[in-house]
């Protein structure tokens, strides 16, 4: 469980912990960078709004990136600028970064259990 929590909180941390340095560094650089690009081009961090299911799902995907989400929220980033041409691209970058990090968590779990060589 601790490994999965580390993998979620800091993208690539679990792979570094497991000795998969190249993969860990790739995830550590690529996923937060993708998240940051999404914020930089006007993407939005969606609120947890259960009355709108797609907004709620997007919020879960946003939190999937781990600590960078909380840092961005604390800094007041991710308000989203609907009038910006790149708004939807920014949303896609943020959401996909979170979802990819969740896949990285699953991959680290499989590696730790010996399911993957």
PDB file of N, CA and C in Angstrom:
ATOM      1  N   UNK A   1       0.819  -1.200   0.000  1.00  0.00           N
ATOM      2  CA  UNK A   1       0.000   0.000   0.000  1.00  0.00           C
ATOM      3  C   UNK A   1       0.863   1.263   0.000  1.00  0.00           C
ATOM      4  N   UNK A   2       1.946   1.235   0.754  1.00  0.00           N
ATOM      5  CA  UNK A   2       2.825   2.400   0.821  1.00  0.00           C
ATOM      6  C   UNK A   2       3.426   2.699  -0.551  1.00  0.00           C
ATOM      7  N   UNK A   3       3.759   1.651  -1.279  1.00  0.00           N
ATOM      8  CA  UNK A   3       4.306   1.805  -2.623  1.00  0.00           C
ATOM      9  C   UNK A   3       3.287   2.471  -3.545  1.00  0.00           C
ATOM     10  N   UNK A   4       2.048   2.046  -3.467  1.00  0.00           N
ATOM     11  CA  UNK A   4       0.988   2.627  -4.308  1.00  0.00           C
ATOM     12  C   UNK A   4       0.738   4.087  -3.941  1.00  0.00           C
ATOM     13  N   UNK A   5       0.777   4.396  -2.662  1.00  0.00           N
ATOM     14  CA  UNK A   5       0.589   5.779  -2.227  1.00  0.00           C
ATOM     15  C   UNK A   5       1.725   6.666  -2.736  1.00  0.00           C
ATOM     16  N   UNK A   6       2.951   6.152  -2.678  1.00  0.00           N
ATOM     17  CA  UNK A   6       4.095   6.904  -3.197  1.00  0.00           C
ATOM     18  C   UNK A   6       3.983   7.078  -4.709  1.00  0.00           C
ATOM     19  N   UNK A   7       3.523   6.037  -5.391  1.00  0.00           N
ATOM     20  CA  UNK A   7       3.371   6.106  -6.849  1.00  0.00           C
ATOM     21  C   UNK A   7       2.328   7.138  -7.240  1.00  0.00           C
ATOM     22  N   UNK A   8       1.257   7.237  -6.448  1.00  0.00           N
ATOM     23  CA  UNK A   8       0.212   8.222  -6.759  1.00  0.00           C
ATOM     24  C   UNK A   8       0.688   9.635  -6.425  1.00  0.00           C
ATOM     25  N   UNK A   9       1.303   9.794  -5.261  1.00  0.00           N
ATOM     26  CA  UNK A   9       1.672  11.131  -4.798  1.00  0.00           C
ATOM     27  C   UNK A   9       2.731  11.782  -5.683  1.00  0.00           C
ATOM     28  N   UNK A  10       3.745  11.037  -6.037  1.00  0.00           N
ATOM     29  CA  UNK A  10       4.835  11.571  -6.862  1.00  0.00           C
ATOM     30  C   UNK A  10       4.999  10.649  -8.064  1.00  0.00           C
ATOM     31  N   UNK A  11       4.590  11.122  -9.238  1.00  0.00           N
ATOM     32  CA  UNK A  11       4.682  10.262 -10.422  1.00  0.00           C
ATOM     33  C   UNK A  11       6.102   9.731 -10.627  1.00  0.00           C
ATOM     34  N   UNK A  12       6.218   8.418 -10.763  1.00  0.00           N
ATOM     35  CA  UNK A  12       7.505   7.783 -10.991  1.00  0.00           C
ATOM     36  C   UNK A  12       8.247   7.367  -9.735  1.00  0.00           C
ATOM     37  N   UNK A  13       7.787   7.790  -8.556  1.00  0.00           N
ATOM     38  CA  UNK A  13       8.505   7.488  -7.315  1.00  0.00           C
ATOM     39  C   UNK A  13       8.590   5.992  -7.048  1.00  0.00           C
ATOM     40  N   UNK A  14       7.518   5.280  -7.294  1.00  0.00           N
ATOM     41  CA  UNK A  14       7.523   3.838  -7.023  1.00  0.00           C
ATOM     42  C   UNK A  14       8.463   3.099  -7.962  1.00  0.00           C
ATOM     43  N   UNK A  15       8.522   3.519  -9.213  1.00  0.00           N
ATOM     44  CA  UNK A  15       9.434   2.871 -10.149  1.00  0.00           C
ATOM     45  C   UNK A  15      10.886   3.131  -9.747  1.00  0.00           C
ATOM     46  N   UNK A  16      11.168   4.337  -9.261  1.00  0.00           N
ATOM     47  CA  UNK A  16      12.509   4.618  -8.752  1.00  0.00           C
ATOM     48  C   UNK A  16      12.793   3.756  -7.528  1.00  0.00           C
ATOM     49  N   UNK A  17      11.808   3.612  -6.657  1.00  0.00           N
ATOM     50  CA  UNK A  17      11.927   2.796  -5.452  1.00  0.00           C
ATOM     51  C   UNK A  17      12.200   1.337  -5.798  1.00  0.00           C
ATOM     52  N   UNK A  18      11.577   0.861  -6.880  1.00  0.00           N
ATOM     53  CA  UNK A  18      11.736  -0.532  -7.298  1.00  0.00           C
ATOM     54  C   UNK A  18      12.989  -0.764  -8.149  1.00  0.00           C
ATOM     55  N   UNK A  19      13.768   0.280  -8.372  1.00  0.00           N
ATOM     56  CA  UNK A  19      15.008   0.132  -9.127  1.00  0.00           C
ATOM     57  C   UNK A  19      14.850   0.288 -10.635  1.00  0.00           C
ATOM     58  N   UNK A  20      13.718   0.709 -11.070  1.00  0.00           N
ATOM     59  CA  UNK A  20      13.474   0.949 -12.511  1.00  0.00           C
ATOM     60  C   UNK A  20      13.721   2.432 -12.796  1.00  0.00           C
ATOM     61  N   UNK A  21      14.979   2.780 -12.803  1.00  0.00           N
ATOM     62  CA  UNK A  21      15.383   4.181 -12.856  1.00  0.00           C
ATOM     63  C   UNK A  21      14.929   4.887 -14.125  1.00  0.00           C
ATOM     64  N   UNK A  22      15.129   4.275 -15.275  1.00  0.00           N
ATOM     65  CA  UNK A  22      14.773   4.935 -16.537  1.00  0.00           C
ATOM     66  C   UNK A  22      13.273   5.223 -16.608  1.00  0.00           C
ATOM     67  N   UNK A  23      12.472   4.219 -16.272  1.00  0.00           N
ATOM     68  CA  UNK A  23      11.018   4.419 -16.279  1.00  0.00           C
ATOM     69  C   UNK A  23      10.609   5.460 -15.247  1.00  0.00           C
ATOM     70  N   UNK A  24      11.177   5.348 -14.062  1.00  0.00           N
ATOM     71  CA  UNK A  24      10.833   6.280 -12.994  1.00  0.00           C
ATOM     72  C   UNK A  24      11.140   7.720 -13.354  1.00  0.00           C
ATOM     73  N   UNK A  25      12.311   7.952 -13.926  1.00  0.00           N
ATOM     74  CA  UNK A  25      12.671   9.317 -14.333  1.00  0.00           C
ATOM     75  C   UNK A  25      11.784   9.820 -15.469  1.00  0.00           C
ATOM     76  N   UNK A  26      11.451   8.932 -16.386  1.00  0.00           N
ATOM     77  CA  UNK A  26      10.560   9.328 -17.489  1.00  0.00           C
ATOM     78  C   UNK A  26       9.207   9.766 -16.957  1.00  0.00           C
ATOM     79  N   UNK A  27       8.656   9.002 -16.020  1.00  0.00           N
ATOM     80  CA  UNK A  27       7.362   9.365 -15.436  1.00  0.00           C
ATOM     81  C   UNK A  27       7.476  10.622 -14.579  1.00  0.00           C
ATOM     82  N   UNK A  28       8.573  10.741 -13.837  1.00  0.00           N
ATOM     83  CA  UNK A  28       8.783  11.878 -12.954  1.00  0.00           C
ATOM     84  C   UNK A  28       8.878  13.192 -13.725  1.00  0.00           C
ATOM     85  N   UNK A  29       9.389  13.128 -14.941  1.00  0.00           N
ATOM     86  CA  UNK A  29       9.528  14.330 -15.761  1.00  0.00           C
ATOM     87  C   UNK A  29       8.291  14.546 -16.633  1.00  0.00           C
ATOM     88  N   UNK A  30       7.850  13.511 -17.325  1.00  0.00           N
ATOM     89  CA  UNK A  30       6.804  13.668 -18.336  1.00  0.00           C
ATOM     90  C   UNK A  30       5.427  14.004 -17.761  1.00  0.00           C
ATOM     91  N   UNK A  31       5.011  13.318 -16.718  1.00  0.00           N
ATOM     92  CA  UNK A  31       3.650  13.521 -16.218  1.00  0.00           C
ATOM     93  C   UNK A  31       3.439  14.887 -15.563  1.00  0.00           C
ATOM     94  N   UNK A  32       4.319  15.330 -14.644  1.00  0.00           N
ATOM     95  CA  UNK A  32       4.130  16.686 -14.117  1.00  0.00           C
ATOM     96  C   UNK A  32       4.292  17.770 -15.181  1.00  0.00           C
ATOM     97  N   UNK A  33       5.172  17.528 -16.156  1.00  0.00           N
ATOM     98  CA  UNK A  33       5.330  18.485 -17.246  1.00  0.00           C
ATOM     99  C   UNK A  33       4.047  18.579 -18.072  1.00  0.00           C
ATOM    100  N   UNK A  34       3.447  17.452 -18.336  1.00  0.00           N
ATOM    101  CA  UNK A  34       2.180  17.434 -19.069  1.00  0.00           C
ATOM    102  C   UNK A  34       1.094  18.181 -18.283  1.00  0.00           C
ATOM    103  N   UNK A  35       1.053  17.961 -16.979  1.00  0.00           N
ATOM    104  CA  UNK A  35       0.106  18.659 -16.112  1.00  0.00           C
ATOM    105  C   UNK A  35       0.358  20.169 -16.145  1.00  0.00           C
ATOM    106  N   UNK A  36       1.618  20.566 -16.044  1.00  0.00           N
ATOM    107  CA  UNK A  36       1.982  21.988 -16.050  1.00  0.00           C
ATOM    108  C   UNK A  36       1.654  22.648 -17.383  1.00  0.00           C
ATOM    109  N   UNK A  37       1.877  21.942 -18.480  1.00  0.00           N
ATOM    110  CA  UNK A  37       1.537  22.484 -19.794  1.00  0.00           C
ATOM    111  C   UNK A  37       0.034  22.705 -19.877  1.00  0.00           C
ATOM    112  N   UNK A  38      -0.737  21.752 -19.373  1.00  0.00           N
ATOM    113  CA  UNK A  38      -2.187  21.906 -19.370  1.00  0.00           C
ATOM    114  C   UNK A  38      -2.624  23.145 -18.614  1.00  0.00           C
ATOM    115  N   UNK A  39      -2.006  23.391 -17.468  1.00  0.00           N
ATOM    116  CA  UNK A  39      -2.333  24.601 -16.703  1.00  0.00           C
ATOM    117  C   UNK A  39      -1.889  25.857 -17.451  1.00  0.00           C
ATOM    118  N   UNK A  40      -0.706  25.797 -18.055  1.00  0.00           N
ATOM    119  CA  UNK A  40      -0.147  26.964 -18.735  1.00  0.00           C
ATOM    120  C   UNK A  40      -0.970  27.397 -19.942  1.00  0.00           C
ATOM    121  N   UNK A  41      -1.628  26.463 -20.596  1.00  0.00           N
ATOM    122  CA  UNK A  41      -2.389  26.830 -21.792  1.00  0.00           C
ATOM    123  C   UNK A  41      -3.874  27.037 -21.487  1.00  0.00           C
ATOM    124  N   UNK A  42      -4.185  27.250 -20.218  1.00  0.00           N
ATOM    125  CA  UNK A  42      -5.538  27.663 -19.859  1.00  0.00           C
ATOM    126  C   UNK A  42      -6.471  26.564 -19.417  1.00  0.00           C
ATOM    127  N   UNK A  43      -5.951  25.407 -19.081  1.00  0.00           N
ATOM    128  CA  UNK A  43      -6.802  24.311 -18.632  1.00  0.00           C
ATOM    129  C   UNK A  43      -7.393  24.565 -17.255  1.00  0.00           C
ATOM    130  N   UNK A  44      -8.393  23.792 -16.916  1.00  0.00           N
ATOM    131  CA  UNK A  44      -9.146  23.973 -15.676  1.00  0.00           C
ATOM    132  C   UNK A  44      -8.997  22.754 -14.770  1.00  0.00           C
ATOM    133  N   UNK A  45      -8.863  23.011 -13.483  1.00  0.00           N
ATOM    134  CA  UNK A  45      -8.950  21.948 -12.492  1.00  0.00           C
ATOM    135  C   UNK A  45     -10.416  21.878 -12.075  1.00  0.00           C
ATOM    136  N   UNK A  46     -11.066  20.804 -12.428  1.00  0.00           N
ATOM    137  CA  UNK A  46     -12.503  20.699 -12.229  1.00  0.00           C
ATOM    138  C   UNK A  46     -12.858  20.488 -10.765  1.00  0.00           C
ATOM    139  N   UNK A  47     -13.983  21.066 -10.329  1.00  0.00           N
ATOM    140  CA  UNK A  47     -14.440  20.876  -8.947  1.00  0.00           C
ATOM    141  C   UNK A  47     -15.167  19.541  -8.802  1.00  0.00           C
ATOM    142  N   UNK A  48     -15.234  19.038  -7.578  1.00  0.00           N
ATOM    143  CA  UNK A  48     -15.985  17.808  -7.311  1.00  0.00           C
ATOM    144  C   UNK A  48     -17.462  18.169  -7.225  1.00  0.00           C
ATOM    145  N   UNK A  49     -18.135  18.067  -8.356  1.00  0.00           N
ATOM    146  CA  UNK A  49     -19.545  18.411  -8.446  1.00  0.00           C
ATOM    147  C   UNK A  49     -20.302  17.153  -8.841  1.00  0.00           C
ATOM    148  N   UNK A  50     -20.955  16.537  -7.874  1.00  0.00           N
ATOM    149  CA  UNK A  50     -21.638  15.273  -8.140  1.00  0.00           C
ATOM    150  C   UNK A  50     -22.942  15.446  -8.903  1.00  0.00           C
ATOM    151  N   UNK A  51     -23.447  16.681  -8.983  1.00  0.00           N
ATOM    152  CA  UNK A  51     -24.675  16.892  -9.756  1.00  0.00           C
ATOM    153  C   UNK A  51     -24.398  16.833 -11.261  1.00  0.00           C
ATOM    154  N   UNK A  52     -23.144  17.027 -11.632  1.00  0.00           N
ATOM    155  CA  UNK A  52     -22.728  16.887 -13.025  1.00  0.00           C
ATOM    156  C   UNK A  52     -21.699  15.761 -13.093  1.00  0.00           C
ATOM    157  N   UNK A  53     -22.114  14.561 -13.502  1.00  0.00           N
ATOM    158  CA  UNK A  53     -21.224  13.392 -13.448  1.00  0.00           C
ATOM    159  C   UNK A  53     -19.919  13.555 -14.216  1.00  0.00           C
ATOM    160  N   UNK A  54     -19.947  14.167 -15.379  1.00  0.00           N
ATOM    161  CA  UNK A  54     -18.712  14.300 -16.156  1.00  0.00           C
ATOM    162  C   UNK A  54     -17.726  15.251 -15.496  1.00  0.00           C
ATOM    163  N   UNK A  55     -18.239  16.283 -14.843  1.00  0.00           N
ATOM    164  CA  UNK A  55     -17.364  17.203 -14.108  1.00  0.00           C
ATOM    165  C   UNK A  55     -16.744  16.474 -12.918  1.00  0.00           C
ATOM    166  N   UNK A  56     -17.530  15.659 -12.240  1.00  0.00           N
ATOM    167  CA  UNK A  56     -17.009  14.867 -11.124  1.00  0.00           C
ATOM    168  C   UNK A  56     -15.943  13.885 -11.554  1.00  0.00           C
ATOM    169  N   UNK A  57     -16.159  13.238 -12.686  1.00  0.00           N
ATOM    170  CA  UNK A  57     -15.158  12.302 -13.209  1.00  0.00           C
ATOM    171  C   UNK A  57     -13.884  13.028 -13.619  1.00  0.00           C
ATOM    172  N   UNK A  58     -14.043  14.208 -14.217  1.00  0.00           N
ATOM    173  CA  UNK A  58     -12.869  15.003 -14.591  1.00  0.00           C
ATOM    174  C   UNK A  58     -12.090  15.415 -13.346  1.00  0.00           C
ATOM    175  N   UNK A  59     -12.800  15.708 -12.250  1.00  0.00           N
ATOM    176  CA  UNK A  59     -12.132  16.075 -10.998  1.00  0.00           C
ATOM    177  C   UNK A  59     -11.337  14.893 -10.447  1.00  0.00           C
ATOM    178  N   UNK A  60     -11.900  13.691 -10.520  1.00  0.00           N
ATOM    179  CA  UNK A  60     -11.178  12.493 -10.072  1.00  0.00           C
ATOM    180  C   UNK A  60      -9.924  12.289 -10.919  1.00  0.00           C
ATOM    181  N   UNK A  61     -10.058  12.498 -12.219  1.00  0.00           N
ATOM    182  CA  UNK A  61      -8.908  12.364 -13.113  1.00  0.00           C
ATOM    183  C   UNK A  61      -7.843  13.416 -12.788  1.00  0.00           C
ATOM    184  N   UNK A  62      -8.266  14.628 -12.467  1.00  0.00           N
ATOM    185  CA  UNK A  62      -7.315  15.686 -12.109  1.00  0.00           C
ATOM    186  C   UNK A  62      -6.510  15.312 -10.872  1.00  0.00           C
ATOM    187  N   UNK A  63      -7.175  14.774  -9.858  1.00  0.00           N
ATOM    188  CA  UNK A  63      -6.508  14.403  -8.606  1.00  0.00           C
ATOM    189  C   UNK A  63      -5.556  13.228  -8.831  1.00  0.00           C
ATOM    190  N   UNK A  64      -5.730  12.494  -9.909  1.00  0.00           N
ATOM    191  CA  UNK A  64      -4.887  11.348 -10.206  1.00  0.00           C
ATOM    192  C   UNK A  64      -3.413  11.675 -10.340  1.00  0.00           C
ATOM    193  N   UNK A  65      -3.075  12.925 -10.560  1.00  0.00           N
ATOM    194  CA  UNK A  65      -1.668  13.302 -10.716  1.00  0.00           C
ATOM    195  C   UNK A  65      -0.954  13.402  -9.366  1.00  0.00           C
ATOM    196  N   UNK A  66      -1.709  13.447  -8.276  1.00  0.00           N
ATOM    197  CA  UNK A  66      -1.109  13.445  -6.950  1.00  0.00           C
ATOM    198  C   UNK A  66      -0.739  14.823  -6.432  1.00  0.00           C
ATOM    199  N   UNK A  67       0.456  14.945  -5.881  1.00  0.00           N
ATOM    200  CA  UNK A  67       0.907  16.179  -5.240  1.00  0.00           C
ATOM    201  C   UNK A  67       0.851  17.397  -6.166  1.00  0.00           C
ATOM    202  N   UNK A  68       1.215  17.292  -7.447  1.00  0.00           N
ATOM    203  CA  UNK A  68       1.116  18.481  -8.300  1.00  0.00           C
ATOM    204  C   UNK A  68      -0.286  19.107  -8.326  1.00  0.00           C
ATOM    205  N   UNK A  69      -1.319  18.292  -8.182  1.00  0.00           N
ATOM    206  CA  UNK A  69      -2.685  18.820  -8.130  1.00  0.00           C
ATOM    207  C   UNK A  69      -2.855  19.722  -6.915  1.00  0.00           C
ATOM    208  N   UNK A  70      -2.394  19.261  -5.752  1.00  0.00           N
ATOM    209  CA  UNK A  70      -2.561  20.030  -4.527  1.00  0.00           C
ATOM    210  C   UNK A  70      -1.694  21.283  -4.517  1.00  0.00           C
ATOM    211  N   UNK A  71      -0.522  21.207  -5.127  1.00  0.00           N
ATOM    212  CA  UNK A  71       0.337  22.387  -5.253  1.00  0.00           C
ATOM    213  C   UNK A  71      -0.343  23.422  -6.147  1.00  0.00           C
ATOM    214  N   UNK A  72      -0.871  22.979  -7.270  1.00  0.00           N
ATOM    215  CA  UNK A  72      -1.557  23.895  -8.189  1.00  0.00           C
ATOM    216  C   UNK A  72      -2.783  24.519  -7.537  1.00  0.00           C
ATOM    217  N   UNK A  73      -3.530  23.721  -6.795  1.00  0.00           N
ATOM    218  CA  UNK A  73      -4.710  24.238  -6.107  1.00  0.00           C
ATOM    219  C   UNK A  73      -4.306  25.261  -5.047  1.00  0.00           C
ATOM    220  N   UNK A  74      -3.267  24.980  -4.289  1.00  0.00           N
ATOM    221  CA  UNK A  74      -2.804  25.902  -3.248  1.00  0.00           C
ATOM    222  C   UNK A  74      -2.317  27.223  -3.845  1.00  0.00           C
ATOM    223  N   UNK A  75      -1.754  27.163  -5.036  1.00  0.00           N
ATOM    224  CA  UNK A  75      -1.258  28.372  -5.698  1.00  0.00           C
ATOM    225  C   UNK A  75      -2.355  29.115  -6.455  1.00  0.00           C
ATOM    226  N   UNK A  76      -3.556  28.567  -6.466  1.00  0.00           N
ATOM    227  CA  UNK A  76      -4.669  29.224  -7.149  1.00  0.00           C
ATOM    228  C   UNK A  76      -4.644  29.057  -8.654  1.00  0.00           C
ATOM    229  N   UNK A  77      -3.952  28.041  -9.136  1.00  0.00           N
ATOM    230  CA  UNK A  77      -3.882  27.795 -10.579  1.00  0.00           C
ATOM    231  C   UNK A  77      -5.050  26.921 -11.013  1.00  0.00           C
ATOM    232  N   UNK A  78      -5.293  26.868 -12.302  1.00  0.00           N
ATOM    233  CA  UNK A  78      -6.304  25.971 -12.835  1.00  0.00           C
ATOM    234  C   UNK A  78      -7.708  26.529 -12.830  1.00  0.00           C
ATOM    235  N   UNK A  79      -7.832  27.838 -12.859  1.00  0.00           N
ATOM    236  CA  UNK A  79      -9.162  28.443 -12.913  1.00  0.00           C
ATOM    237  C   UNK A  79      -9.819  28.175 -14.261  1.00  0.00           C
ATOM    238  N   UNK A  80      -9.012  28.005 -15.287  1.00  0.00           N
ATOM    239  CA  UNK A  80      -9.538  27.750 -16.627  1.00  0.00           C
ATOM    240  C   UNK A  80      -9.999  29.032 -17.281  1.00  0.00           C
ATOM    241  N   UNK A  81      -9.622  29.202 -18.502  1.00  0.00           N
ATOM    242  CA  UNK A  81     -10.001  30.396 -19.257  1.00  0.00           C
ATOM    243  C   UNK A  81     -10.750  29.936 -20.499  1.00  0.00           C
ATOM    244  N   UNK A  82     -12.067  29.925 -20.402  1.00  0.00           N
ATOM    245  CA  UNK A  82     -12.905  29.374 -21.465  1.00  0.00           C
ATOM    246  C   UNK A  82     -12.709  30.114 -22.779  1.00  0.00           C
ATOM    247  N   UNK A  83     -12.412  31.365 -22.729  1.00  0.00           N
ATOM    248  CA  UNK A  83     -12.260  32.164 -23.957  1.00  0.00           C
ATOM    249  C   UNK A  83     -10.945  31.896 -24.700  1.00  0.00           C
ATOM    250  N   UNK A  84     -10.009  31.259 -24.022  1.00  0.00           N
ATOM    251  CA  UNK A  84      -8.721  30.951 -24.649  1.00  0.00           C
ATOM    252  C   UNK A  84      -8.912  29.795 -25.623  1.00  0.00           C
ATOM    253  N   UNK A  85      -8.316  29.905 -26.785  1.00  0.00           N
ATOM    254  CA  UNK A  85      -8.462  28.882 -27.823  1.00  0.00           C
ATOM    255  C   UNK A  85      -7.973  27.518 -27.343  1.00  0.00           C
ATOM    256  N   UNK A  86      -6.987  27.498 -26.484  1.00  0.00           N
ATOM    257  CA  UNK A  86      -6.372  26.242 -26.034  1.00  0.00           C
ATOM    258  C   UNK A  86      -7.020  25.662 -24.772  1.00  0.00           C
ATOM    259  N   UNK A  87      -8.159  26.190 -24.349  1.00  0.00           N
ATOM    260  CA  UNK A  87      -8.823  25.744 -23.115  1.00  0.00           C
ATOM    261  C   UNK A  87      -9.068  24.239 -23.112  1.00  0.00           C
ATOM    262  N   UNK A  88      -9.663  23.714 -24.159  1.00  0.00           N
ATOM    263  CA  UNK A  88      -9.968  22.280 -24.218  1.00  0.00           C
ATOM    264  C   UNK A  88      -8.693  21.435 -24.283  1.00  0.00           C
ATOM    265  N   UNK A  89      -7.679  21.933 -24.969  1.00  0.00           N
ATOM    266  CA  UNK A  89      -6.410  21.216 -25.005  1.00  0.00           C
ATOM    267  C   UNK A  89      -5.792  21.167 -23.611  1.00  0.00           C
ATOM    268  N   UNK A  90      -5.866  22.283 -22.897  1.00  0.00           N
ATOM    269  CA  UNK A  90      -5.356  22.314 -21.529  1.00  0.00           C
ATOM    270  C   UNK A  90      -6.071  21.324 -20.635  1.00  0.00           C
ATOM    271  N   UNK A  91      -7.398  21.268 -20.762  1.00  0.00           N
ATOM    272  CA  UNK A  91      -8.174  20.291 -19.987  1.00  0.00           C
ATOM    273  C   UNK A  91      -7.738  18.874 -20.320  1.00  0.00           C
ATOM    274  N   UNK A  92      -7.541  18.611 -21.595  1.00  0.00           N
ATOM    275  CA  UNK A  92      -7.130  17.267 -22.024  1.00  0.00           C
ATOM    276  C   UNK A  92      -5.759  16.904 -21.446  1.00  0.00           C
ATOM    277  N   UNK A  93      -4.831  17.843 -21.464  1.00  0.00           N
ATOM    278  CA  UNK A  93      -3.495  17.585 -20.909  1.00  0.00           C
ATOM    279  C   UNK A  93      -3.583  17.255 -19.423  1.00  0.00           C
ATOM    280  N   UNK A  94      -4.366  18.045 -18.679  1.00  0.00           N
ATOM    281  CA  UNK A  94      -4.481  17.845 -17.232  1.00  0.00           C
ATOM    282  C   UNK A  94      -5.139  16.505 -16.912  1.00  0.00           C
ATOM    283  N   UNK A  95      -6.248  16.227 -17.576  1.00  0.00           N
ATOM    284  CA  UNK A  95      -6.983  14.989 -17.319  1.00  0.00           C
ATOM    285  C   UNK A  95      -6.155  13.768 -17.703  1.00  0.00           C
ATOM    286  N   UNK A  96      -5.535  13.815 -18.858  1.00  0.00           N
ATOM    287  CA  UNK A  96      -4.748  12.668 -19.316  1.00  0.00           C
ATOM    288  C   UNK A  96      -3.529  12.451 -18.425  1.00  0.00           C
ATOM    289  N   UNK A  97      -2.906  13.515 -17.941  1.00  0.00           N
ATOM    290  CA  UNK A  97      -1.769  13.361 -17.024  1.00  0.00           C
ATOM    291  C   UNK A  97      -2.205  12.622 -15.761  1.00  0.00           C
ATOM    292  N   UNK A  98      -3.365  12.975 -15.232  1.00  0.00           N
ATOM    293  CA  UNK A  98      -3.872  12.295 -14.044  1.00  0.00           C
ATOM    294  C   UNK A  98      -4.198  10.836 -14.296  1.00  0.00           C
ATOM    295  N   UNK A  99      -4.848  10.564 -15.422  1.00  0.00           N
ATOM    296  CA  UNK A  99      -5.204   9.181 -15.745  1.00  0.00           C
ATOM    297  C   UNK A  99      -3.970   8.337 -16.036  1.00  0.00           C
ATOM    298  N   UNK A 100      -2.988   8.911 -16.711  1.00  0.00           N
ATOM    299  CA  UNK A 100      -1.746   8.175 -16.957  1.00  0.00           C
ATOM    300  C   UNK A 100      -1.029   7.862 -15.655  1.00  0.00           C
ATOM    301  N   UNK A 101      -1.067   8.792 -14.713  1.00  0.00           N
ATOM    302  CA  UNK A 101      -0.423   8.516 -13.426  1.00  0.00           C
ATOM    303  C   UNK A 101      -1.123   7.368 -12.704  1.00  0.00           C
ATOM    304  N   UNK A 102      -2.430   7.279 -12.822  1.00  0.00           N
ATOM    305  CA  UNK A 102      -3.137   6.151 -12.209  1.00  0.00           C
ATOM    306  C   UNK A 102      -2.723   4.832 -12.863  1.00  0.00           C
ATOM    307  N   UNK A 103      -2.483   4.854 -14.158  1.00  0.00           N
ATOM    308  CA  UNK A 103      -1.969   3.653 -14.829  1.00  0.00           C
ATOM    309  C   UNK A 103      -0.547   3.321 -14.364  1.00  0.00           C
ATOM    310  N   UNK A 104       0.237   4.339 -14.100  1.00  0.00           N
ATOM    311  CA  UNK A 104       1.596   4.133 -13.590  1.00  0.00           C
ATOM    312  C   UNK A 104       1.541   3.492 -12.201  1.00  0.00           C
ATOM    313  N   UNK A 105       0.563   3.888 -11.392  1.00  0.00           N
ATOM    314  CA  UNK A 105       0.386   3.272 -10.070  1.00  0.00           C
ATOM    315  C   UNK A 105       0.097   1.780 -10.220  1.00  0.00           C
ATOM    316  N   UNK A 106      -0.798   1.449 -11.137  1.00  0.00           N
ATOM    317  CA  UNK A 106      -1.135   0.039 -11.371  1.00  0.00           C
ATOM    318  C   UNK A 106       0.087  -0.727 -11.871  1.00  0.00           C
ATOM    319  N   UNK A 107       0.863  -0.110 -12.751  1.00  0.00           N
ATOM    320  CA  UNK A 107       2.069  -0.751 -13.261  1.00  0.00           C
ATOM    321  C   UNK A 107       3.066  -1.006 -12.138  1.00  0.00           C
ATOM    322  N   UNK A 108       3.258  -0.035 -11.264  1.00  0.00           N
ATOM    323  CA  UNK A 108       4.181  -0.213 -10.137  1.00  0.00           C
ATOM    324  C   UNK A 108       3.701  -1.335  -9.218  1.00  0.00           C
ATOM    325  N   UNK A 109       2.413  -1.416  -9.003  1.00  0.00           N
ATOM    326  CA  UNK A 109       1.847  -2.484  -8.171  1.00  0.00           C
ATOM    327  C   UNK A 109       2.131  -3.848  -8.788  1.00  0.00           C
ATOM    328  N   UNK A 110       1.927  -3.962 -10.101  1.00  0.00           N
ATOM    329  CA  UNK A 110       2.202  -5.230 -10.786  1.00  0.00           C
ATOM    330  C   UNK A 110       3.680  -5.604 -10.731  1.00  0.00           C
ATOM    331  N   UNK A 111       4.556  -4.626 -10.882  1.00  0.00           N
ATOM    332  CA  UNK A 111       5.990  -4.882 -10.800  1.00  0.00           C
ATOM    333  C   UNK A 111       6.358  -5.344  -9.387  1.00  0.00           C
ATOM    334  N   UNK A 112       5.788  -4.689  -8.378  1.00  0.00           N
ATOM    335  CA  UNK A 112       6.094  -5.049  -6.987  1.00  0.00           C
ATOM    336  C   UNK A 112       5.636  -6.472  -6.647  1.00  0.00           C
ATOM    337  N   UNK A 113       4.528  -6.896  -7.233  1.00  0.00           N
ATOM    338  CA  UNK A 113       4.028  -8.256  -6.983  1.00  0.00           C
ATOM    339  C   UNK A 113       4.714  -9.315  -7.840  1.00  0.00           C
ATOM    340  N   UNK A 114       5.535  -8.876  -8.780  1.00  0.00           N
ATOM    341  CA  UNK A 114       6.242  -9.815  -9.638  1.00  0.00           C
ATOM    342  C   UNK A 114       5.419 -10.266 -10.830  1.00  0.00           C
ATOM    343  N   UNK A 115       4.340  -9.611 -11.130  1.00  0.00           N
ATOM    344  CA  UNK A 115       3.517  -9.963 -12.291  1.00  0.00           C
ATOM    345  C   UNK A 115       4.154  -9.498 -13.595  1.00  0.00           C
ATOM    346  N   UNK A 116       5.024  -8.497 -13.484  1.00  0.00           N
ATOM    347  CA  UNK A 116       5.723  -7.983 -14.661  1.00  0.00           C
ATOM    348  C   UNK A 116       7.215  -8.143 -14.419  1.00  0.00           C
ATOM    349  N   UNK A 117       7.914  -8.598 -15.428  1.00  0.00           N
ATOM    350  CA  UNK A 117       9.377  -8.732 -15.255  1.00  0.00           C
ATOM    351  C   UNK A 117      10.085  -7.393 -15.283  1.00  0.00           C
TER     352      UNK A 117
END
